[in-house]
Amino acid sequence: MSQRVVVAGSSGRMGRALIEALLQGNGQRLHGALERPDSTFLGRDAGELIGAPNGVAIRADVDGALAGAGVLIDFTRPEGTLEHLDACLRHGVKLVIGTTGFSAEQKQRIAAAAERVAIVMAPNMSVGVNVTLKLLDLAARALSDGYDIEIVEAHHRHKVDAPSGTALRMGEVVAAALGRTLENDAIYGREGVTGERKPSTIGFATMRGGDIVGDHTVMFAGIGERVEITHKASSRATFAMGALRAARFLADRPSGLFDMQDVLGLR
């Protein structure tokens, strides 16, 4: 039987990419499509968004959409995702979360929910990004002395949080590999007379503009050389395919909180 997938934020950029990816099958099919109650897309065929009508109507009724579903994929906003999380608990539906910008308290709510339903939560669902995280761990351990670390990210003009969840995750991986914490080491902005750079800091720079899907570079700058590890996304299809892979990973797992390192066997 095909895994029945519900897509939240179905009319958005990621929602459309997910619906298109689901057309490829791979043992999965679109079961439901969700949008906000004030959306002008309510009642429309979700497949029409990508030019392939499929008989699944876009709706705001979360409980109705989740009835009979196997997994919900959510790339929306923290508040909306948490509302969907509560509905998933009511229906026993598994959840793939690509939403970013959660507070520490909100992350705790998700972790508590994972004791009852299986959840994959990752700031970036791209297979390539998650391989990059593994490379960053290796690089940070080898370049732990004498190298300054800077993280630069660029996204489209519509992105509302900064730095990106992916950039923060990269910083967390690097800090952990060095036996430190991002909370203590991160520098999110520089202006004016800042003084010399402290060796233990991890700097972040953010750019927003146009239709950039997502570029991330981590630079290890030493004396006489630089090592730069870069990932560039040119299409949201990579995130959609990764999210569907995460959904398949959850198929036989009753509960637990996982990330893409678990999904890809990189742990």
C-alpha atoms as a PDB file:
ATOM      1  CA  MET A   1       0.000   0.000   0.000  1.00  0.00           C
ATOM      2  CA  SER A   2       1.241   3.466  -0.848  1.00  0.00           C
ATOM      3  CA  GLN A   3       2.228   5.712   2.032  1.00  0.00           C
ATOM      4  CA  ARG A   4      -0.472   8.390   2.337  1.00  0.00           C
ATOM      5  CA  VAL A   5       1.140  11.832   2.586  1.00  0.00           C
ATOM      6  CA  VAL A   6      -0.429  15.141   3.621  1.00  0.00           C
ATOM      7  CA  VAL A   7       1.351  18.347   2.570  1.00  0.00           C
ATOM      8  CA  ALA A   8       1.021  21.478   4.723  1.00  0.00           C
ATOM      9  CA  GLY A   9       1.403  24.866   3.060  1.00  0.00           C
ATOM     10  CA  SER A  10       0.483  23.193  -0.211  1.00  0.00           C
ATOM     11  CA  SER A  11       0.257  26.368  -2.312  1.00  0.00           C
ATOM     12  CA  GLY A  12       3.702  27.647  -1.262  1.00  0.00           C
ATOM     13  CA  ARG A  13       7.004  27.073  -2.994  1.00  0.00           C
ATOM     14  CA  MET A  14       7.902  23.973  -0.988  1.00  0.00           C
ATOM     15  CA  GLY A  15       4.323  22.692  -1.018  1.00  0.00           C
ATOM     16  CA  ARG A  16       4.255  22.715  -4.805  1.00  0.00           C
ATOM     17  CA  ALA A  17       7.664  21.039  -4.977  1.00  0.00           C
ATOM     18  CA  LEU A  18       6.413  18.277  -2.666  1.00  0.00           C
ATOM     19  CA  ILE A  19       3.245  17.733  -4.680  1.00  0.00           C
ATOM     20  CA  GLU A  20       5.299  17.486  -7.864  1.00  0.00           C
ATOM     21  CA  ALA A  21       7.734  15.040  -6.247  1.00  0.00           C
ATOM     22  CA  LEU A  22       4.833  12.871  -5.088  1.00  0.00           C
ATOM     23  CA  LEU A  23       3.790  12.409  -8.728  1.00  0.00           C
ATOM     24  CA  GLN A  24       6.847  10.187  -9.141  1.00  0.00           C
ATOM     25  CA  GLY A  25       5.322   7.582  -6.851  1.00  0.00           C
ATOM     26  CA  ASN A  26       8.099   5.738  -5.009  1.00  0.00           C
ATOM     27  CA  GLY A  27       5.466   4.067  -2.845  1.00  0.00           C
ATOM     28  CA  GLN A  28       3.855   7.352  -1.798  1.00  0.00           C
ATOM     29  CA  ARG A  29       0.829   9.371  -2.869  1.00  0.00           C
ATOM     30  CA  LEU A  30      -0.771  12.703  -1.991  1.00  0.00           C
ATOM     31  CA  HIS A  31      -3.551  12.072   0.522  1.00  0.00           C
ATOM     32  CA  GLY A  32      -4.289  15.639   1.634  1.00  0.00           C
ATOM     33  CA  ALA A  33      -3.289  19.254   1.035  1.00  0.00           C
ATOM     34  CA  LEU A  34      -3.522  21.929   3.727  1.00  0.00           C
ATOM     35  CA  GLU A  35      -3.613  25.718   3.637  1.00  0.00           C
ATOM     36  CA  ARG A  36      -4.495  28.543   6.020  1.00  0.00           C
ATOM     37  CA  PRO A  37      -8.212  29.359   6.523  1.00  0.00           C
ATOM     38  CA  ASP A  38      -7.748  32.674   4.674  1.00  0.00           C
ATOM     39  CA  SER A  39      -6.022  31.151   1.647  1.00  0.00           C
ATOM     40  CA  THR A  40      -7.485  31.922  -1.771  1.00  0.00           C
ATOM     41  CA  PHE A  41      -6.513  28.391  -2.864  1.00  0.00           C
ATOM     42  CA  LEU A  42      -9.043  26.606  -0.629  1.00  0.00           C
ATOM     43  CA  GLY A  43     -11.241  24.213  -2.564  1.00  0.00           C
ATOM     44  CA  ARG A  44      -8.941  24.025  -5.565  1.00  0.00           C
ATOM     45  CA  ASP A  45      -7.451  20.788  -6.822  1.00  0.00           C
ATOM     46  CA  ALA A  46      -3.948  20.583  -5.357  1.00  0.00           C
ATOM     47  CA  GLY A  47      -2.602  19.072  -8.543  1.00  0.00           C
ATOM     48  CA  GLU A  48      -3.689  22.121 -10.520  1.00  0.00           C
ATOM     49  CA  LEU A  49      -0.882  24.044  -8.787  1.00  0.00           C
ATOM     50  CA  ILE A  50       1.618  22.089 -10.885  1.00  0.00           C
ATOM     51  CA  GLY A  51      -0.601  21.515 -13.920  1.00  0.00           C
ATOM     52  CA  ALA A  52      -1.571  17.937 -13.006  1.00  0.00           C
ATOM     53  CA  PRO A  53      -5.048  17.710 -11.381  1.00  0.00           C
ATOM     54  CA  ASN A  54      -5.254  14.745  -9.017  1.00  0.00           C
ATOM     55  CA  GLY A  55      -8.608  15.054  -7.254  1.00  0.00           C
ATOM     56  CA  VAL A  56      -7.154  16.130  -3.876  1.00  0.00           C
ATOM     57  CA  ALA A  57      -8.789  19.370  -2.737  1.00  0.00           C
ATOM     58  CA  ILE A  58      -6.865  21.982  -0.756  1.00  0.00           C
ATOM     59  CA  ARG A  59      -8.514  22.431   2.642  1.00  0.00           C
ATOM     60  CA  ALA A  60      -8.057  24.171   5.980  1.00  0.00           C
ATOM     61  CA  ASP A  61      -9.618  21.367   8.037  1.00  0.00           C
ATOM     62  CA  VAL A  62      -6.513  19.780   9.555  1.00  0.00           C
ATOM     63  CA  ASP A  63      -8.348  16.922  11.275  1.00  0.00           C
ATOM     64  CA  GLY A  64     -10.209  16.096   8.080  1.00  0.00           C
ATOM     65  CA  ALA A  65      -7.043  16.093   5.991  1.00  0.00           C
ATOM     66  CA  LEU A  66      -5.185  13.864   8.471  1.00  0.00           C
ATOM     67  CA  ALA A  67      -7.944  11.246   8.731  1.00  0.00           C
ATOM     68  CA  GLY A  68      -6.510   8.055   7.265  1.00  0.00           C
ATOM     69  CA  ALA A  69      -3.121   9.634   6.549  1.00  0.00           C
ATOM     70  CA  GLY A  70       0.255   8.096   7.298  1.00  0.00           C
ATOM     71  CA  VAL A  71       2.506  11.154   7.498  1.00  0.00           C
ATOM     72  CA  LEU A  72       2.328  14.948   7.361  1.00  0.00           C
ATOM     73  CA  ILE A  73       5.143  16.958   5.758  1.00  0.00           C
ATOM     74  CA  ASP A  74       5.373  20.508   7.088  1.00  0.00           C
ATOM     75  CA  PHE A  75       7.564  23.362   5.798  1.00  0.00           C
ATOM     76  CA  THR A  76       5.475  26.240   7.151  1.00  0.00           C
ATOM     77  CA  ARG A  77       5.963  28.496  10.199  1.00  0.00           C
ATOM     78  CA  PRO A  78       6.627  27.448  13.817  1.00  0.00           C
ATOM     79  CA  GLU A  79       3.155  28.379  15.091  1.00  0.00           C
ATOM     80  CA  GLY A  80       1.397  26.520  12.286  1.00  0.00           C
ATOM     81  CA  THR A  81       3.656  23.495  12.619  1.00  0.00           C
ATOM     82  CA  LEU A  82       2.878  23.221  16.336  1.00  0.00           C
ATOM     83  CA  GLU A  83      -0.861  23.303  15.617  1.00  0.00           C
ATOM     84  CA  HIS A  84      -0.351  20.536  13.079  1.00  0.00           C
ATOM     85  CA  LEU A  85       1.736  18.641  15.632  1.00  0.00           C
ATOM     86  CA  ASP A  86      -1.196  18.575  18.055  1.00  0.00           C
ATOM     87  CA  ALA A  87      -3.463  17.253  15.304  1.00  0.00           C
ATOM     88  CA  CYS A  88      -0.919  14.562  14.396  1.00  0.00           C
ATOM     89  CA  LEU A  89      -0.930  13.414  18.018  1.00  0.00           C
ATOM     90  CA  ARG A  90      -4.738  13.168  17.947  1.00  0.00           C
ATOM     91  CA  HIS A  91      -4.673  11.038  14.802  1.00  0.00           C
ATOM     92  CA  GLY A  92      -1.457   9.081  15.357  1.00  0.00           C
ATOM     93  CA  VAL A  93       0.045  10.549  12.169  1.00  0.00           C
ATOM     94  CA  LYS A  94       3.817  10.732  11.757  1.00  0.00           C
ATOM     95  CA  LEU A  95       5.477  14.033  10.957  1.00  0.00           C
ATOM     96  CA  VAL A  96       8.340  15.351   8.830  1.00  0.00           C
ATOM     97  CA  ILE A  97       9.272  18.882   9.930  1.00  0.00           C
ATOM     98  CA  GLY A  98      11.309  21.136   7.658  1.00  0.00           C
ATOM     99  CA  THR A  99      10.141  24.328   9.365  1.00  0.00           C
ATOM    100  CA  THR A 100      12.862  26.482  10.949  1.00  0.00           C
ATOM    101  CA  GLY A 101      12.916  29.267  13.538  1.00  0.00           C
ATOM    102  CA  PHE A 102      11.665  27.297  16.552  1.00  0.00           C
ATOM    103  CA  SER A 103      12.417  28.531  20.065  1.00  0.00           C
ATOM    104  CA  ALA A 104      14.019  26.209  22.618  1.00  0.00           C
ATOM    105  CA  GLU A 105      10.636  25.752  24.293  1.00  0.00           C
ATOM    106  CA  GLN A 106       8.960  24.875  21.003  1.00  0.00           C
ATOM    107  CA  LYS A 107      11.658  22.317  20.259  1.00  0.00           C
ATOM    108  CA  GLN A 108      10.963  20.739  23.639  1.00  0.00           C
ATOM    109  CA  ARG A 109       7.280  20.397  22.703  1.00  0.00           C
ATOM    110  CA  ILE A 110       8.273  18.559  19.540  1.00  0.00           C
ATOM    111  CA  ALA A 111      10.646  16.279  21.460  1.00  0.00           C
ATOM    112  CA  ALA A 112       7.874  15.444  23.932  1.00  0.00           C
ATOM    113  CA  ALA A 113       5.467  14.656  21.090  1.00  0.00           C
ATOM    114  CA  ALA A 114       8.047  12.295  19.574  1.00  0.00           C
ATOM    115  CA  GLU A 115       7.532   9.991  22.534  1.00  0.00           C
ATOM    116  CA  ARG A 116       4.114   9.235  21.030  1.00  0.00           C
ATOM    117  CA  VAL A 117       4.610   9.566  17.257  1.00  0.00           C
ATOM    118  CA  ALA A 118       7.645   9.255  15.014  1.00  0.00           C
ATOM    119  CA  ILE A 119       9.084  12.579  13.814  1.00  0.00           C
ATOM    120  CA  VAL A 120      11.931  13.572  11.504  1.00  0.00           C
ATOM    121  CA  MET A 121      12.968  17.157  12.151  1.00  0.00           C
ATOM    122  CA  ALA A 122      15.791  18.805  10.223  1.00  0.00           C
ATOM    123  CA  PRO A 123      16.515  22.405   9.202  1.00  0.00           C
ATOM    124  CA  ASN A 124      17.462  21.152   5.752  1.00  0.00           C
ATOM    125  CA  MET A 125      16.147  17.994   4.070  1.00  0.00           C
ATOM    126  CA  SER A 126      18.670  18.027   1.234  1.00  0.00           C
ATOM    127  CA  VAL A 127      20.778  14.873   1.008  1.00  0.00           C
ATOM    128  CA  GLY A 128      23.730  16.987  -0.138  1.00  0.00           C
ATOM    129  CA  VAL A 129      23.460  19.373   2.816  1.00  0.00           C
ATOM    130  CA  ASN A 130      23.432  16.503   5.264  1.00  0.00           C
ATOM    131  CA  VAL A 131      26.500  14.955   3.668  1.00  0.00           C
ATOM    132  CA  THR A 132      28.060  18.432   4.002  1.00  0.00           C
ATOM    133  CA  LEU A 133      27.306  18.396   7.741  1.00  0.00           C
ATOM    134  CA  LYS A 134      29.281  15.162   8.011  1.00  0.00           C
ATOM    135  CA  LEU A 135      32.192  16.749   6.142  1.00  0.00           C
ATOM    136  CA  LEU A 136      32.068  19.777   8.453  1.00  0.00           C
ATOM    137  CA  ASP A 137      32.407  17.562  11.497  1.00  0.00           C
ATOM    138  CA  LEU A 138      35.514  15.965   9.989  1.00  0.00           C
ATOM    139  CA  ALA A 139      37.000  19.311   8.918  1.00  0.00           C
ATOM    140  CA  ALA A 140      36.409  20.989  12.280  1.00  0.00           C
ATOM    141  CA  ARG A 141      38.172  18.186  14.143  1.00  0.00           C
ATOM    142  CA  ALA A 142      41.172  18.315  11.813  1.00  0.00           C
ATOM    143  CA  LEU A 143      41.340  22.132  11.688  1.00  0.00           C
ATOM    144  CA  SER A 144      40.737  22.737  15.356  1.00  0.00           C
ATOM    145  CA  ASP A 145      43.848  24.844  15.964  1.00  0.00           C
ATOM    146  CA  GLY A 146      44.801  28.054  14.163  1.00  0.00           C
ATOM    147  CA  TYR A 147      41.764  28.362  11.893  1.00  0.00           C
ATOM    148  CA  ASP A 148      39.044  31.012  12.126  1.00  0.00           C
ATOM    149  CA  ILE A 149      35.541  29.833  11.258  1.00  0.00           C
ATOM    150  CA  GLU A 150      33.003  31.903   9.330  1.00  0.00           C
ATOM    151  CA  ILE A 151      29.617  30.823   7.950  1.00  0.00           C
ATOM    152  CA  VAL A 152      28.037  32.694   5.037  1.00  0.00           C
ATOM    153  CA  GLU A 153      24.517  31.993   3.785  1.00  0.00           C
ATOM    154  CA  ALA A 154      22.273  33.484   1.088  1.00  0.00           C
ATOM    155  CA  HIS A 155      18.554  32.984   0.463  1.00  0.00           C
ATOM    156  CA  HIS A 156      15.664  34.499  -1.487  1.00  0.00           C
ATOM    157  CA  ARG A 157      14.061  37.778  -0.503  1.00  0.00           C
ATOM    158  CA  HIS A 158      11.006  36.084   1.052  1.00  0.00           C
ATOM    159  CA  LYS A 159      12.839  34.161   3.772  1.00  0.00           C
ATOM    160  CA  VAL A 160      11.791  35.519   7.175  1.00  0.00           C
ATOM    161  CA  ASP A 161      14.392  34.094   9.587  1.00  0.00           C
ATOM    162  CA  ALA A 162      18.128  34.741   9.774  1.00  0.00           C
ATOM    163  CA  PRO A 163      20.575  33.159   9.942  1.00  0.00           C
ATOM    164  CA  SER A 164      18.985  30.216   8.169  1.00  0.00           C
ATOM    165  CA  GLY A 165      18.271  27.069  10.118  1.00  0.00           C
ATOM    166  CA  THR A 166      20.804  25.283   7.949  1.00  0.00           C
ATOM    167  CA  ALA A 167      23.538  27.815   8.752  1.00  0.00           C
ATOM    168  CA  LEU A 168      22.792  27.471  12.457  1.00  0.00           C
ATOM    169  CA  ARG A 169      22.912  23.688  12.201  1.00  0.00           C
ATOM    170  CA  MET A 170      26.273  23.932  10.457  1.00  0.00           C
ATOM    171  CA  GLY A 171      27.501  26.126  13.301  1.00  0.00           C
ATOM    172  CA  GLU A 172      26.215  23.648  15.873  1.00  0.00           C
ATOM    173  CA  VAL A 173      28.006  20.761  14.155  1.00  0.00           C
ATOM    174  CA  VAL A 174      31.280  22.680  14.010  1.00  0.00           C
ATOM    175  CA  ALA A 175      31.025  23.865  17.615  1.00  0.00           C
ATOM    176  CA  ALA A 176      30.234  20.363  18.879  1.00  0.00           C
ATOM    177  CA  ALA A 177      33.200  18.917  16.981  1.00  0.00           C
ATOM    178  CA  LEU A 178      35.401  21.479  18.757  1.00  0.00           C
ATOM    179  CA  GLY A 179      33.926  20.687  22.169  1.00  0.00           C
ATOM    180  CA  ARG A 180      32.211  24.071  22.355  1.00  0.00           C
ATOM    181  CA  THR A 181      28.679  25.457  22.034  1.00  0.00           C
ATOM    182  CA  LEU A 182      27.210  27.800  19.466  1.00  0.00           C
ATOM    183  CA  GLU A 183      25.429  29.669  22.239  1.00  0.00           C
ATOM    184  CA  ASN A 184      28.771  30.823  23.622  1.00  0.00           C
ATOM    185  CA  ASP A 185      30.737  31.187  20.396  1.00  0.00           C
ATOM    186  CA  ALA A 186      28.418  32.642  17.747  1.00  0.00           C
ATOM    187  CA  ILE A 187      28.822  36.198  16.420  1.00  0.00           C
ATOM    188  CA  TYR A 188      25.814  37.222  14.334  1.00  0.00           C
ATOM    189  CA  GLY A 189      26.824  40.704  13.279  1.00  0.00           C
ATOM    190  CA  ARG A 190      29.783  43.066  13.117  1.00  0.00           C
ATOM    191  CA  GLU A 191      29.660  46.828  12.845  1.00  0.00           C
ATOM    192  CA  GLY A 192      31.963  49.673  13.788  1.00  0.00           C
ATOM    193  CA  VAL A 193      35.182  49.179  15.732  1.00  0.00           C
ATOM    194  CA  THR A 194      34.842  45.564  16.823  1.00  0.00           C
ATOM    195  CA  GLY A 195      38.423  44.898  17.867  1.00  0.00           C
ATOM    196  CA  GLU A 196      40.432  41.901  16.784  1.00  0.00           C
ATOM    197  CA  ARG A 197      38.659  38.667  16.096  1.00  0.00           C
ATOM    198  CA  LYS A 198      38.546  36.283  19.052  1.00  0.00           C
ATOM    199  CA  PRO A 199      39.889  32.866  17.998  1.00  0.00           C
ATOM    200  CA  SER A 200      37.038  30.928  19.606  1.00  0.00           C
ATOM    201  CA  THR A 201      34.222  32.718  17.783  1.00  0.00           C
ATOM    202  CA  ILE A 202      32.122  31.381  14.902  1.00  0.00           C
ATOM    203  CA  GLY A 203      30.972  34.234  12.682  1.00  0.00           C
ATOM    204  CA  PHE A 204      27.766  34.371  10.647  1.00  0.00           C
ATOM    205  CA  ALA A 205      26.964  36.537   7.627  1.00  0.00           C
ATOM    206  CA  THR A 206      23.510  36.627   6.017  1.00  0.00           C
ATOM    207  CA  MET A 207      22.431  37.737   2.554  1.00  0.00           C
ATOM    208  CA  ARG A 208      18.880  38.002   1.211  1.00  0.00           C
ATOM    209  CA  GLY A 209      17.880  38.723  -2.355  1.00  0.00           C
ATOM    210  CA  GLY A 210      16.116  37.644  -5.518  1.00  0.00           C
ATOM    211  CA  ASP A 211      15.192  33.991  -5.898  1.00  0.00           C
ATOM    212  CA  ILE A 212      18.279  32.347  -4.346  1.00  0.00           C
ATOM    213  CA  VAL A 213      17.139  28.895  -3.226  1.00  0.00           C
ATOM    214  CA  GLY A 214      19.923  28.438  -0.691  1.00  0.00           C
ATOM    215  CA  ASP A 215      23.717  28.863  -0.630  1.00  0.00           C
ATOM    216  CA  HIS A 216      25.889  27.982   2.379  1.00  0.00           C
ATOM    217  CA  THR A 217      29.657  28.206   2.813  1.00  0.00           C
ATOM    218  CA  VAL A 218      31.698  27.392   5.901  1.00  0.00           C
ATOM    219  CA  MET A 219      35.202  28.853   5.761  1.00  0.00           C
ATOM    220  CA  PHE A 220      38.135  27.661   7.865  1.00  0.00           C
ATOM    221  CA  ALA A 221      40.670  30.496   7.471  1.00  0.00           C
ATOM    222  CA  GLY A 222      44.201  29.763   8.589  1.00  0.00           C
ATOM    223  CA  ILE A 223      47.565  31.422   8.001  1.00  0.00           C
ATOM    224  CA  GLY A 224      48.509  30.815   4.375  1.00  0.00           C
ATOM    225  CA  GLU A 225      45.437  28.811   3.403  1.00  0.00           C
ATOM    226  CA  ARG A 226      41.649  28.614   3.511  1.00  0.00           C
ATOM    227  CA  VAL A 227      39.403  25.590   3.401  1.00  0.00           C
ATOM    228  CA  GLU A 228      35.868  26.323   2.179  1.00  0.00           C
ATOM    229  CA  ILE A 229      33.045  23.797   2.191  1.00  0.00           C
ATOM    230  CA  THR A 230      30.077  24.952   0.122  1.00  0.00           C
ATOM    231  CA  HIS A 231      26.634  23.671  -0.741  1.00  0.00           C
ATOM    232  CA  LYS A 232      24.432  25.416  -3.313  1.00  0.00           C
ATOM    233  CA  ALA A 233      20.842  24.454  -4.009  1.00  0.00           C
ATOM    234  CA  SER A 234      19.457  25.358  -7.433  1.00  0.00           C
ATOM    235  CA  SER A 235      16.009  23.802  -7.003  1.00  0.00           C
ATOM    236  CA  ARG A 236      13.595  23.059  -4.162  1.00  0.00           C
ATOM    237  CA  ALA A 237      13.215  19.600  -5.643  1.00  0.00           C
ATOM    238  CA  THR A 238      16.240  18.480  -3.614  1.00  0.00           C
ATOM    239  CA  PHE A 239      14.475  19.422  -0.363  1.00  0.00           C
ATOM    240  CA  ALA A 240      11.241  17.765  -1.494  1.00  0.00           C
ATOM    241  CA  MET A 241      12.927  14.487  -2.417  1.00  0.00           C
ATOM    242  CA  GLY A 242      14.789  14.473   0.891  1.00  0.00           C
ATOM    243  CA  ALA A 243      11.542  15.068   2.802  1.00  0.00           C
ATOM    244  CA  LEU A 244       9.839  12.174   1.021  1.00  0.00           C
ATOM    245  CA  ARG A 245      12.833   9.981   1.827  1.00  0.00           C
ATOM    246  CA  ALA A 246      12.415  11.004   5.472  1.00  0.00           C
ATOM    247  CA  ALA A 247       8.722  10.097   5.303  1.00  0.00           C
ATOM    248  CA  ARG A 248       9.585   6.631   3.990  1.00  0.00           C
ATOM    249  CA  PHE A 249      12.131   6.247   6.800  1.00  0.00           C
ATOM    250  CA  LEU A 250       9.314   6.787   9.332  1.00  0.00           C
ATOM    251  CA  ALA A 251       7.033   4.159   7.811  1.00  0.00           C
ATOM    252  CA  ASP A 252       7.950   1.372  10.255  1.00  0.00           C
ATOM    253  CA  ARG A 253       8.864   3.506  13.254  1.00  0.00           C
ATOM    254  CA  PRO A 254       6.143   4.010  15.879  1.00  0.00           C
ATOM    255  CA  SER A 255       7.820   6.864  17.762  1.00  0.00           C
ATOM    256  CA  GLY A 256      11.080   8.748  18.260  1.00  0.00           C
ATOM    257  CA  LEU A 257      12.735  11.987  17.183  1.00  0.00           C
ATOM    258  CA  PHE A 258      15.090  11.638  14.219  1.00  0.00           C
ATOM    259  CA  ASP A 259      16.989  13.906  11.841  1.00  0.00           C
ATOM    260  CA  MET A 260      18.369  13.495   8.333  1.00  0.00           C
ATOM    261  CA  GLN A 261      21.617  12.028   9.652  1.00  0.00           C
ATOM    262  CA  ASP A 262      19.483   9.126  10.905  1.00  0.00           C
ATOM    263  CA  VAL A 263      17.562   8.917   7.637  1.00  0.00           C
ATOM    264  CA  LEU A 264      20.771   8.721   5.578  1.00  0.00           C
ATOM    265  CA  GLY A 265      22.628   6.396   7.960  1.00  0.00           C
ATOM    266  CA  LEU A 266      25.324   8.996   8.650  1.00  0.00           C
ATOM    267  CA  ARG A 267      25.082   8.919  12.424  1.00  0.00           C
END
